[in-house]
Protein backbone atom coordinates (compact mmCIF):
# COMPACT_ATOMS: atom_id res chain seq x y z
CA UNK A 1 0.00 0.00 0.00
CA UNK A 2 1.64 3.30 -1.04
CA UNK A 3 2.04 6.00 1.60
CA UNK A 4 0.35 9.38 1.17
CA UNK A 5 3.75 10.90 0.36
CA UNK A 6 4.16 8.27 -2.38
CA UNK A 7 0.76 9.22 -3.82
CA UNK A 8 1.69 12.92 -3.80
CA UNK A 9 5.00 12.25 -5.54
CA UNK A 10 3.39 9.96 -8.11
CA UNK A 11 0.51 12.28 -8.96
CA UNK A 12 2.41 15.55 -9.00
CA UNK A 13 5.41 14.21 -10.86
CA UNK A 14 3.01 13.23 -13.64
CA UNK A 15 0.94 16.41 -13.27
CA UNK A 16 3.93 18.80 -13.26
CA UNK A 17 3.60 19.75 -16.90
CA UNK A 18 -0.18 19.65 -17.38
CA UNK A 19 -0.95 21.34 -14.03
CA UNK A 20 1.48 24.21 -14.63
CA UNK A 21 -0.13 25.05 -17.98
CA UNK A 22 -3.81 24.71 -16.93
CA UNK A 23 -5.65 27.96 -17.76
CA UNK A 24 -7.35 28.25 -14.37
CA UNK A 25 -4.11 27.67 -12.48
CA UNK A 26 -2.28 30.31 -14.53
CA UNK A 27 -5.13 32.85 -14.36
CA UNK A 28 -3.39 36.17 -13.65
CA UNK A 29 -6.48 37.81 -12.18
CA UNK A 30 -6.83 35.00 -9.62
CA UNK A 31 -3.13 35.23 -8.75
CA UNK A 32 -3.51 39.00 -8.24
CA UNK A 33 -6.35 38.34 -5.79
CA UNK A 34 -4.00 36.26 -3.67
CA UNK A 35 -1.20 38.85 -3.77
CA UNK A 36 -3.65 41.64 -2.91
CA UNK A 37 -5.16 39.64 -0.02
CA UNK A 38 -1.67 39.38 1.50
CA UNK A 39 -1.12 43.14 1.50
CA UNK A 40 2.33 42.53 -0.01
CA UNK A 41 4.79 45.38 -0.46
CA UNK A 42 8.43 46.02 -1.40
CA UNK A 43 9.87 45.17 2.03
CA UNK A 44 8.17 41.78 2.30
CA UNK A 45 9.77 38.35 2.13
CA UNK A 46 7.38 35.60 1.06
CA UNK A 47 7.27 31.83 1.49
CA UNK A 48 4.87 29.84 -0.68
CA UNK A 49 4.20 26.41 0.85
CA UNK A 50 3.61 23.50 -1.57
CA UNK A 51 4.56 25.93 -4.32
CA UNK A 52 4.09 23.52 -7.23
CA UNK A 53 5.17 25.07 -10.55
CA UNK A 54 6.08 28.43 -9.01
CA UNK A 55 3.19 30.52 -10.28
CA UNK A 56 2.44 32.09 -6.90
CA UNK A 57 6.11 32.81 -6.19
CA UNK A 58 6.51 34.47 -9.59
CA UNK A 59 3.30 36.48 -9.05
CA UNK A 60 4.72 37.89 -5.80
CA UNK A 61 8.21 38.54 -7.19
CA UNK A 62 7.49 41.91 -8.88
CA UNK A 63 5.88 43.22 -5.68
CA UNK A 64 8.15 42.01 -2.85
CA UNK A 65 11.82 41.95 -1.88
CA UNK A 66 12.21 38.17 -2.16
CA UNK A 67 9.97 35.14 -2.60
CA UNK A 68 10.75 31.50 -1.80
CA UNK A 69 8.84 28.38 -2.77
CA UNK A 70 9.04 24.96 -1.14
CA UNK A 71 7.61 21.70 -2.46
CA UNK A 72 8.11 17.97 -1.95
CA UNK A 73 8.01 17.09 -5.67
CA UNK A 74 11.26 17.63 -7.62
CA UNK A 75 9.45 17.71 -10.98
CA UNK A 76 7.31 20.62 -9.80
CA UNK A 77 10.39 22.51 -8.64
CA UNK A 78 11.97 22.00 -12.06
CA UNK A 79 8.91 23.65 -13.61
CA UNK A 80 9.10 26.48 -11.07
CA UNK A 81 12.75 27.22 -11.78
CA UNK A 82 12.09 27.09 -15.53
CA UNK A 83 9.24 29.60 -15.12
CA UNK A 84 11.47 31.98 -13.17
CA UNK A 85 14.17 31.74 -15.84
CA UNK A 86 11.61 32.28 -18.60
CA UNK A 87 10.39 35.46 -16.91
CA UNK A 88 13.84 36.69 -15.98
CA UNK A 89 12.84 36.70 -12.31
CA UNK A 90 15.91 36.89 -10.07
CA UNK A 91 14.50 37.57 -6.58
CA UNK A 92 13.16 34.02 -6.06
CA UNK A 93 14.40 30.67 -4.78
CA UNK A 94 12.90 27.18 -4.70
CA UNK A 95 13.65 24.49 -2.14
CA UNK A 96 12.80 20.81 -1.78
CA UNK A 97 11.21 20.05 1.56
CA UNK A 98 8.36 18.77 3.70
CA UNK A 99 5.61 21.27 4.48
CA UNK A 100 4.85 19.67 7.86
CA UNK A 101 8.42 20.40 9.03
CA UNK A 102 9.45 23.55 7.21
CA UNK A 103 13.26 23.88 7.12
CA UNK A 104 13.24 27.55 8.13
CA UNK A 105 13.73 29.33 11.46
CA UNK A 106 10.93 30.96 13.41
CA UNK A 107 9.71 34.30 12.05
CA UNK A 108 11.77 33.97 8.85
CA UNK A 109 9.16 35.51 6.51
CA UNK A 110 6.70 38.39 6.58
CA UNK A 111 4.13 36.61 4.36
CA UNK A 112 3.48 32.86 4.18
CA UNK A 113 1.06 31.51 1.59
CA UNK A 114 -0.35 28.21 0.35
CA UNK A 115 -2.54 27.83 -2.73
CA UNK A 116 -4.61 24.81 -3.83
CA UNK A 117 -2.81 22.37 -1.53
CA UNK A 118 -4.67 22.17 1.80
CA UNK A 119 -7.02 19.52 0.40
CA UNK A 120 -3.94 17.30 -0.10
CA UNK A 121 -2.77 17.52 3.53
CA UNK A 122 -3.54 14.75 6.01
CA UNK A 123 -3.20 17.26 8.88
CA UNK A 124 -3.95 20.76 7.56
CA UNK A 125 -3.89 22.22 11.06
CA UNK A 126 -0.28 21.06 11.51
CA UNK A 127 0.72 22.68 8.22
CA UNK A 128 -1.00 25.93 9.17
CA UNK A 129 0.77 25.89 12.54
CA UNK A 130 4.11 25.56 10.72
CA UNK A 131 3.14 28.43 8.42
CA UNK A 132 2.43 30.54 11.52
CA UNK A 133 5.74 29.54 13.11
CA UNK A 134 7.84 30.78 10.20
CA UNK A 135 5.82 34.00 9.86
CA UNK A 136 7.04 37.01 11.82
CA UNK A 137 4.86 38.82 14.35
CA UNK A 138 2.56 41.20 12.48
CA UNK A 139 3.05 39.26 9.24
CA UNK A 140 0.35 37.62 7.15
CA UNK A 141 -0.62 33.99 6.58
CA UNK A 142 -2.74 33.38 3.47
CA UNK A 143 -4.42 30.14 2.41
CA UNK A 144 -6.31 29.72 -0.86
CA UNK A 145 -8.08 26.43 -1.38
CA UNK A 146 -11.10 24.65 -2.75
CA UNK A 147 -14.02 24.56 -0.34
CA UNK A 148 -16.58 21.78 0.02
CA UNK A 149 -20.31 22.37 -0.13
CA UNK A 150 -22.15 22.93 3.15
CA UNK A 151 -24.65 20.33 1.89
CA UNK A 152 -23.36 17.00 3.31
CA UNK A 153 -24.64 14.94 0.37
CA UNK A 154 -23.03 17.21 -2.19
CA UNK A 155 -19.79 17.34 -0.19
CA UNK A 156 -19.68 13.53 0.01
CA UNK A 157 -20.28 13.17 -3.74
CA UNK A 158 -17.59 15.76 -4.44
CA UNK A 159 -15.13 13.83 -2.26
CA UNK A 160 -15.88 10.56 -4.08
CA UNK A 161 -15.27 12.25 -7.42
CA UNK A 162 -12.02 13.95 -6.34
CA UNK A 163 -10.59 10.73 -4.89
CA UNK A 164 -11.25 9.03 -8.22
CA UNK A 165 -9.75 11.93 -10.18
CA UNK A 166 -6.68 12.36 -7.97
CA UNK A 167 -5.81 9.61 -5.45
CA UNK A 168 -3.58 12.07 -3.54
CA UNK A 169 -6.64 14.16 -2.61
CA UNK A 170 -7.45 13.94 1.11
CA UNK A 171 -10.40 16.23 1.83
CA UNK A 172 -11.70 19.64 0.84
CA UNK A 173 -12.83 21.47 3.98
CA UNK A 174 -16.07 23.41 4.23
CA UNK A 175 -15.44 27.13 4.60
CA UNK A 176 -16.31 27.28 8.30
CA UNK A 177 -13.94 24.42 9.12
CA UNK A 178 -11.10 25.96 7.11
CA UNK A 179 -11.63 29.34 8.80
CA UNK A 180 -11.67 27.74 12.27
CA UNK A 181 -8.11 26.44 11.78
CA UNK A 182 -6.72 29.98 11.95
CA UNK A 183 -7.60 30.91 15.54
CA UNK A 184 -6.90 27.29 16.54
CA UNK A 185 -3.19 27.82 15.73
CA UNK A 186 -2.96 31.34 17.16
CA UNK A 187 -3.77 33.49 14.13
CA UNK A 188 -6.44 36.16 13.89
CA UNK A 189 -9.79 35.32 12.34
CA UNK A 190 -9.08 35.52 8.60
CA UNK A 191 -10.42 37.99 6.10
CA UNK A 192 -12.14 36.36 3.15
CA UNK A 193 -11.96 36.75 -0.61
CA UNK A 194 -13.85 34.42 -2.91
CA UNK A 195 -13.38 33.34 -6.51
CA UNK A 196 -14.14 30.36 -8.71
CA UNK A 197 -11.77 28.09 -10.58
CA UNK A 198 -13.56 27.59 -13.90
CA UNK A 199 -12.95 24.23 -15.59
CA UNK A 200 -13.98 22.09 -18.53
CA UNK A 201 -14.31 18.39 -17.69
CA UNK A 202 -12.33 16.83 -20.52
CA UNK A 203 -9.51 19.31 -20.04
CA UNK A 204 -9.36 18.46 -16.35
CA UNK A 205 -9.34 14.72 -17.06
CA UNK A 206 -6.54 15.18 -19.61
CA UNK A 207 -4.44 16.76 -16.84
CA UNK A 208 -5.34 14.10 -14.26
CA UNK A 209 -4.19 10.53 -13.77
CA UNK A 210 -7.07 8.47 -12.36
CA UNK A 211 -6.90 4.68 -12.20
CA UNK A 212 -8.02 2.68 -15.21
CA UNK A 213 -11.77 3.01 -15.76
CA UNK A 214 -12.22 5.80 -13.22
CA UNK A 215 -12.35 8.57 -15.83
CA UNK A 216 -15.59 7.07 -17.15
CA UNK A 217 -17.01 6.91 -13.63
CA UNK A 218 -16.15 10.58 -13.19
CA UNK A 219 -17.88 11.46 -16.47
CA UNK A 220 -21.01 9.65 -15.27
CA UNK A 221 -20.98 11.61 -12.02
CA UNK A 222 -20.72 14.91 -13.90
CA UNK A 223 -23.45 13.99 -16.37
CA UNK A 224 -25.77 13.21 -13.45
CA UNK A 225 -24.81 16.49 -11.72
CA UNK A 226 -26.00 18.54 -14.71
CA UNK A 227 -29.55 17.83 -13.56
CA UNK A 228 -29.24 18.28 -9.79
CA UNK A 229 -25.88 19.98 -9.05
CA UNK A 230 -25.12 16.90 -6.99
CA UNK A 231 -21.40 17.76 -6.79
CA UNK A 232 -21.94 21.34 -5.64
CA UNK A 233 -19.87 22.63 -8.58
CA UNK A 234 -22.52 24.30 -10.75
CA UNK A 235 -22.10 21.64 -13.45
CA UNK A 236 -23.60 22.64 -16.78
CA UNK A 237 -23.44 21.81 -20.49
CA UNK A 238 -22.06 24.45 -22.83
CA UNK A 239 -22.32 23.22 -26.39
CA UNK A 240 -20.68 19.81 -26.37
CA UNK A 241 -18.68 20.48 -23.20
CA UNK A 242 -19.36 19.91 -19.52
CA UNK A 243 -18.25 22.92 -17.51
CA UNK A 244 -18.07 23.52 -13.79
CA UNK A 245 -16.29 25.66 -11.21
CA UNK A 246 -14.49 24.82 -7.98
CA UNK A 247 -15.42 27.36 -5.27
CA UNK A 248 -12.23 28.89 -3.87
CA UNK A 249 -11.73 30.81 -0.61
CA UNK A 250 -8.71 33.03 -0.04
CA UNK A 251 -8.27 33.45 3.72
CA UNK A 252 -5.76 35.98 5.06
CA UNK A 253 -4.87 36.38 8.74
CA UNK A 254 -2.34 38.28 10.83
CA UNK A 255 0.31 36.52 12.91
């Protein structure tokens, strides 16, 4: 039985290329929302946790003094470094490491972020506590992630679908549960910004690596959700495509 770390490495090594070029992931307006929520300025130093292909780090780079990304998947870090070179971005660095035990001293950064990764963490509270630890007093901790429906049936169906689509998925938290993590680790109650990650089903499946036969099961779930929104994703047909949107919360708190 593979460990969760093995699943992460397997999925995100294969997803490194497709994920980094996905339109919704690269959306500049969505990246600006995250930077703006952090209140970033020219004196800030940023750490992006589970940085993936470096898009968040490179979005912060023009605004801040220095930005660092850390990720457990070498293939993702290769993409991140390539992106920085492509953009001629010099005030960035990328490190290989475990987000549950960040290899940085206390209060090392003024802004600590994490985007689209909390649903992959077995213990999101522990990761958030580490993010707080490496953030200086008065700094900002910002988490952007998918949120589950408040309807238990829709949330359960969504979880079944996501586990089929990506076996490294753990659980998308409902908004209230995600927000409650902040004061639980000693941060202020977070401010909220909302957006939606717009997707087209076949494009998502082309960038995913489900087990044999599971892509068809996922298609069946989406076809059924057109009628009743059973996944909580606003599934709809547009011409010959099935479109939907992941609800995303950007939560920003002060250390």
